[in-house]
Protein backbone atom coordinates (compact mmCIF):
# COMPACT_ATOMS: atom_id res chain seq x y z
CA MET A 1 -21.36 10.09 -6.33
CA LYS A 2 -23.23 11.10 -3.17
CA LYS A 3 -26.41 9.37 -4.33
CA LEU A 4 -24.45 6.25 -5.28
CA LYS A 5 -22.63 6.35 -1.97
CA GLY A 6 -26.04 6.47 -0.26
CA VAL A 7 -27.32 3.48 -2.24
CA LEU A 8 -24.15 1.52 -1.64
CA ALA A 9 -23.87 2.52 2.00
CA SER A 10 -27.27 1.01 2.69
CA LEU A 11 -27.09 -2.04 0.40
CA ALA A 12 -23.34 -2.74 0.35
CA PRO A 13 -21.83 -1.06 3.42
CA THR A 14 -18.23 -2.24 2.91
CA VAL A 15 -18.04 -0.87 -0.62
CA GLY A 16 -19.91 2.24 0.54
CA LYS A 17 -17.16 2.91 3.10
CA ALA A 18 -14.50 2.54 0.42
CA LEU A 19 -16.05 5.16 -1.88
CA GLY A 20 -14.14 8.39 -1.86
CA GLY A 21 -10.94 6.59 -0.91
CA PRO A 22 -8.16 4.84 -2.75
CA LEU A 23 -10.02 1.51 -2.85
CA ALA A 24 -13.17 2.92 -4.48
CA GLY A 25 -12.24 1.77 -7.97
CA MET A 26 -11.68 -1.77 -6.78
CA GLY A 27 -15.06 -1.88 -5.04
CA VAL A 28 -17.01 -0.33 -7.91
CA LYS A 29 -15.36 -2.66 -10.45
CA LEU A 30 -16.19 -5.69 -8.32
CA ILE A 31 -19.83 -4.62 -8.12
CA ALA A 32 -20.02 -3.89 -11.85
CA ASP A 33 -18.54 -7.30 -12.67
CA ARG A 34 -20.87 -9.09 -10.26
CA LEU A 35 -23.94 -7.31 -11.66
CA GLY A 36 -22.93 -8.12 -15.24
CA VAL A 37 -22.23 -4.55 -16.32
CA SER A 38 -18.47 -4.80 -16.35
CA ASN A 39 -18.32 -2.50 -19.36
CA THR A 40 -18.84 0.46 -17.04
CA THR A 41 -17.25 1.68 -13.85
CA ASP A 42 -19.08 4.99 -14.04
CA PRO A 43 -20.86 5.39 -10.70
CA ALA A 44 -23.81 7.24 -12.26
CA LYS A 45 -24.47 4.45 -14.79
CA LEU A 46 -24.07 1.82 -12.10
CA GLU A 47 -26.54 3.66 -9.87
CA GLU A 48 -29.01 3.91 -12.75
CA TYR A 49 -28.68 0.17 -13.38
CA ILE A 50 -29.32 -0.66 -9.71
CA GLU A 51 -32.41 1.58 -9.65
CA LYS A 52 -33.82 0.03 -12.86
CA HIS A 53 -33.08 -3.53 -11.75
CA PRO A 54 -33.91 -3.94 -8.05
CA GLU A 55 -33.64 -7.71 -8.50
CA VAL A 56 -29.82 -7.33 -8.45
CA ILE A 57 -29.81 -6.33 -4.77
CA PRO A 58 -28.87 -9.87 -3.60
CA GLN A 59 -25.99 -9.88 -6.10
CA LEU A 60 -24.96 -6.45 -4.83
CA GLN A 61 -24.88 -7.73 -1.27
CA GLU A 62 -22.95 -10.81 -2.38
CA ALA A 63 -20.42 -8.51 -4.10
CA ASP A 64 -20.12 -6.53 -0.88
CA ASN A 65 -19.39 -9.72 1.06
CA GLU A 66 -16.78 -10.69 -1.52
CA PHE A 67 -15.18 -7.24 -1.26
CA ARG A 68 -15.11 -7.55 2.55
CA ARG A 69 -13.50 -11.01 2.28
CA THR A 70 -10.93 -9.63 -0.17
CA LEU A 71 -10.05 -6.85 2.25
CA GLU A 72 -9.77 -9.35 5.11
CA GLU A 73 -7.58 -11.69 3.04
CA ARG A 74 -5.29 -8.82 2.12
CA GLN A 75 -5.49 -7.57 5.71
CA ILE A 76 -6.72 -4.14 4.69
CA ASP A 77 -8.56 -2.20 7.37
CA LEU A 78 -10.39 0.67 5.66
CA GLU A 79 -10.35 2.95 8.68
CA THR A 80 -6.63 2.42 9.34
CA PHE A 81 -5.90 2.86 5.63
CA LYS A 82 -7.80 6.17 5.52
CA ILE A 83 -5.96 7.39 8.62
CA GLN A 84 -2.60 6.49 7.06
CA VAL A 85 -3.48 8.29 3.82
CA GLU A 86 -4.60 11.38 5.74
CA ASP A 87 -1.39 11.25 7.80
CA VAL A 88 0.79 11.18 4.69
CA GLN A 89 -1.19 14.02 3.12
CA HIS A 90 -0.89 16.02 6.34
CA SER A 91 2.88 15.43 6.42
CA ARG A 92 3.23 16.65 2.84
CA MET A 93 1.21 19.74 3.69
CA MET A 94 3.17 20.47 6.88
CA PHE A 95 6.64 19.88 5.44
CA GLY A 96 6.01 21.02 1.86
CA ASP A 97 7.60 24.43 2.48
CA ASP A 98 10.30 23.21 4.86
CA PRO A 99 13.71 23.03 3.13
CA THR A 100 15.00 20.22 5.40
CA PRO A 101 13.26 17.28 3.64
CA LYS A 102 14.28 18.70 0.27
CA ALA A 103 17.91 19.05 1.38
CA PHE A 104 17.86 15.52 2.79
CA ALA A 105 16.38 14.24 -0.49
CA ILE A 106 19.08 15.97 -2.55
CA ILE A 107 21.86 14.67 -0.31
CA ALA A 108 20.44 11.13 -0.45
CA LEU A 109 20.06 11.28 -4.23
CA LEU A 110 23.61 12.59 -4.72
CA GLY A 111 24.94 9.93 -2.34
CA PHE A 112 23.04 7.23 -4.21
CA LEU A 113 24.29 8.39 -7.61
CA GLY A 114 27.83 8.85 -6.25
CA TYR A 115 27.86 5.35 -4.81
CA ILE A 116 26.59 3.88 -8.10
CA PHE A 117 29.35 5.74 -9.92
CA MET A 118 31.96 4.53 -7.43
CA VAL A 119 30.83 0.88 -7.60
CA THR A 120 30.66 0.99 -11.39
CA PHE A 121 34.22 2.23 -11.89
CA ASN A 122 35.85 0.71 -8.84
CA VAL A 123 34.50 -2.86 -8.85
CA PRO A 124 34.80 -4.42 -5.36
CA GLU A 125 36.00 -7.98 -4.72
CA SER A 126 32.69 -9.09 -3.19
CA ASP A 127 29.23 -8.16 -4.44
CA VAL A 128 27.47 -8.69 -1.12
CA LEU A 129 28.05 -5.37 0.66
CA PRO A 130 27.58 -3.16 -2.43
CA ASN A 131 24.31 -4.94 -3.22
CA VAL A 132 23.04 -4.42 0.33
CA ILE A 133 24.01 -0.74 0.25
CA LEU A 134 22.46 -0.22 -3.20
CA GLY A 135 19.26 -1.90 -2.03
CA TYR A 136 19.11 0.29 1.04
CA LEU A 137 19.81 3.47 -0.91
CA GLY A 138 17.28 2.47 -3.59
CA GLY A 139 14.64 2.00 -0.89
CA LEU A 140 15.57 5.35 0.62
CA ILE A 141 15.15 7.12 -2.72
CA SER A 142 11.85 5.29 -3.27
CA GLY A 143 10.56 6.46 0.12
CA ILE A 144 11.65 10.02 -0.55
CA SER A 145 9.94 10.11 -3.95
CA SER A 146 6.78 8.60 -2.39
CA PHE A 147 6.81 11.36 0.21
CA PHE A 148 7.04 14.14 -2.35
CA TYR A 149 5.00 12.67 -5.21
CA GLY A 150 2.82 10.00 -3.63
CA SER A 151 3.08 6.25 -3.95
CA SER A 152 0.64 6.13 -6.87
CA ASN A 153 -0.47 8.58 -9.47
CA ASN A 154 -4.17 7.62 -9.54
CA ASN A 155 -5.50 10.43 -7.39
CA LYS A 156 -4.27 14.00 -7.07
CA SER A 157 -6.11 14.87 -3.84
């Protein structure tokens, strides 16, 4: 990966920056598709292909520009994204042994389940307020599970 990161950092700097982060797969797949080797996303095979076919360098640079445009369209700043990921990982490390977040999570989960039970068996006249509360509590539980388990399961780092 280091050798590939060196090749990409010099020929496709935007994708090179993304390697090692959560957007690496997207960048490598884009390059593989653009170079016509979409059957592989293995960095070693991709590096070997680039070394054997130096004529693909313009296509590689075009893929890098497309990746940069994609990031700009989606308003993704790689540096800010990396800082946010590191911040979340640091928070998990700092508060992993603290019982307060776990107690808060249990209380929120019990409150959420209790409210669902209450709304199910004691149907209110209007659906507006229960739907707002259920949406809020669902978002709260989603945030809590993202804190403890991550927002995606692609990378265990």
